């Protein structure tokens, strides 16, 4: 496991559009800790949502790997006043792989 800093910035542009940028730096490998910060990852996404549906386009840059471009779609429904369920699918253009996801989120 790496130890590092992972700042995240979210920005809502009106009622239907949002942006997310999430990046991380690390301080070396567990066996070889360093004081010098190293690039770990960067994730940037654009989201267009309407009535529970979200169209997304994200770019992931992880360490020295090539960029991943990932368009996707998801659907969220409220389960109760504090809980939402989401199902979605993303496509990794470079690897030609489909990623399915399902989640349940509880808000306190």
Protein backbone atom coordinates (compact mmCIF):
# COMPACT_ATOMS: atom_id res chain seq x y z
CA UNK A 1 0.00 0.00 0.00
CA UNK A 2 1.21 3.49 -0.83
CA UNK A 3 0.95 6.41 1.55
CA UNK A 4 0.21 9.79 0.06
CA UNK A 5 -2.03 12.73 -0.53
CA UNK A 6 -5.22 12.45 -2.62
CA UNK A 7 -6.96 15.85 -3.06
CA UNK A 8 -10.32 15.83 -4.83
CA UNK A 9 -12.10 18.79 -6.44
CA UNK A 10 -15.77 18.66 -7.45
CA UNK A 11 -17.55 21.44 -9.30
CA UNK A 12 -21.23 21.65 -10.20
CA UNK A 13 -22.01 23.68 -13.33
CA UNK A 14 -25.72 24.27 -13.12
CA UNK A 15 -28.28 21.62 -12.35
CA UNK A 16 -27.15 18.90 -14.78
CA UNK A 17 -23.38 19.13 -15.32
CA UNK A 18 -20.56 18.38 -12.89
CA UNK A 19 -16.78 18.04 -13.06
CA UNK A 20 -14.46 16.00 -10.88
CA UNK A 21 -10.69 16.06 -10.63
CA UNK A 22 -8.98 13.68 -8.25
CA UNK A 23 -5.22 13.35 -8.06
CA UNK A 24 -2.71 11.69 -5.82
CA UNK A 25 0.95 11.78 -5.00
CA UNK A 26 2.87 9.18 -3.04
CA UNK A 27 5.96 9.04 -0.89
CA UNK A 28 7.63 5.99 -2.40
CA UNK A 29 6.98 2.29 -1.94
CA UNK A 30 6.33 0.71 1.48
CA UNK A 31 9.74 -1.00 1.39
CA UNK A 32 11.47 2.19 0.21
CA UNK A 33 9.78 5.29 1.70
CA UNK A 34 10.94 8.64 0.35
CA UNK A 35 10.51 12.24 1.37
CA UNK A 36 10.20 13.27 -2.28
CA UNK A 37 6.63 13.35 -3.67
CA UNK A 38 5.97 11.17 -6.72
CA UNK A 39 3.06 11.25 -9.17
CA UNK A 40 0.60 8.44 -8.39
CA UNK A 41 -2.61 9.08 -10.33
CA UNK A 42 -4.93 11.69 -11.83
CA UNK A 43 -8.61 11.21 -12.65
CA UNK A 44 -10.77 13.79 -14.44
CA UNK A 45 -14.43 13.29 -15.24
CA UNK A 46 -17.32 15.20 -16.81
CA UNK A 47 -20.85 14.15 -15.86
CA UNK A 48 -24.22 15.01 -17.38
CA UNK A 49 -27.14 13.91 -15.22
CA UNK A 50 -30.91 13.91 -15.66
CA UNK A 51 -33.64 12.01 -13.76
CA UNK A 52 -31.24 9.50 -12.19
CA UNK A 53 -29.31 8.81 -15.42
CA UNK A 54 -25.73 10.02 -15.77
CA UNK A 55 -23.64 10.09 -18.94
CA UNK A 56 -19.95 10.37 -18.14
CA UNK A 57 -16.58 10.73 -19.79
CA UNK A 58 -13.45 10.31 -17.72
CA UNK A 59 -9.70 10.17 -18.26
CA UNK A 60 -7.49 8.20 -15.88
CA UNK A 61 -3.72 8.57 -15.69
CA UNK A 62 -2.11 6.01 -13.38
CA UNK A 63 1.62 6.08 -12.68
CA UNK A 64 3.54 5.47 -15.93
CA UNK A 65 0.69 3.69 -17.72
CA UNK A 66 -0.92 5.21 -20.85
CA UNK A 67 -4.03 7.36 -20.38
CA UNK A 68 -7.37 5.55 -20.13
CA UNK A 69 -10.38 7.19 -21.80
CA UNK A 70 -13.62 5.86 -20.33
CA UNK A 71 -17.11 6.88 -21.46
CA UNK A 72 -19.92 5.52 -19.30
CA UNK A 73 -23.54 5.56 -18.22
CA UNK A 74 -25.18 4.94 -14.84
CA UNK A 75 -28.58 5.00 -13.19
CA UNK A 76 -29.31 5.82 -9.53
CA UNK A 77 -32.50 5.26 -7.57
CA UNK A 78 -33.37 6.20 -4.00
CA UNK A 79 -33.88 3.15 -1.77
CA UNK A 80 -35.05 5.21 1.22
CA UNK A 81 -34.49 8.71 2.61
CA UNK A 82 -30.80 8.03 3.38
CA UNK A 83 -29.81 5.37 0.84
CA UNK A 84 -29.27 5.35 -2.94
CA UNK A 85 -28.45 2.46 -5.23
CA UNK A 86 -26.49 2.88 -8.47
CA UNK A 87 -25.73 0.58 -11.40
CA UNK A 88 -23.46 1.57 -14.25
CA UNK A 89 -21.12 0.56 -17.00
CA UNK A 90 -17.93 2.18 -18.31
CA UNK A 91 -15.85 1.30 -21.36
CA UNK A 92 -12.05 1.54 -21.35
CA UNK A 93 -11.29 2.64 -24.91
CA UNK A 94 -7.57 1.79 -24.80
CA UNK A 95 -7.94 -1.67 -23.27
CA UNK A 96 -11.26 -2.40 -25.04
CA UNK A 97 -12.73 -3.59 -21.72
CA UNK A 98 -16.14 -3.07 -20.17
CA UNK A 99 -16.36 -2.30 -16.43
CA UNK A 100 -19.65 -2.95 -14.65
CA UNK A 101 -20.38 -1.37 -11.29
CA UNK A 102 -23.03 -1.46 -8.62
CA UNK A 103 -23.09 0.48 -5.38
CA UNK A 104 -25.18 1.38 -2.39
CA UNK A 105 -24.49 4.70 -0.64
CA UNK A 106 -25.80 5.69 2.78
CA UNK A 107 -25.89 9.36 3.87
CA UNK A 108 -25.81 10.21 7.56
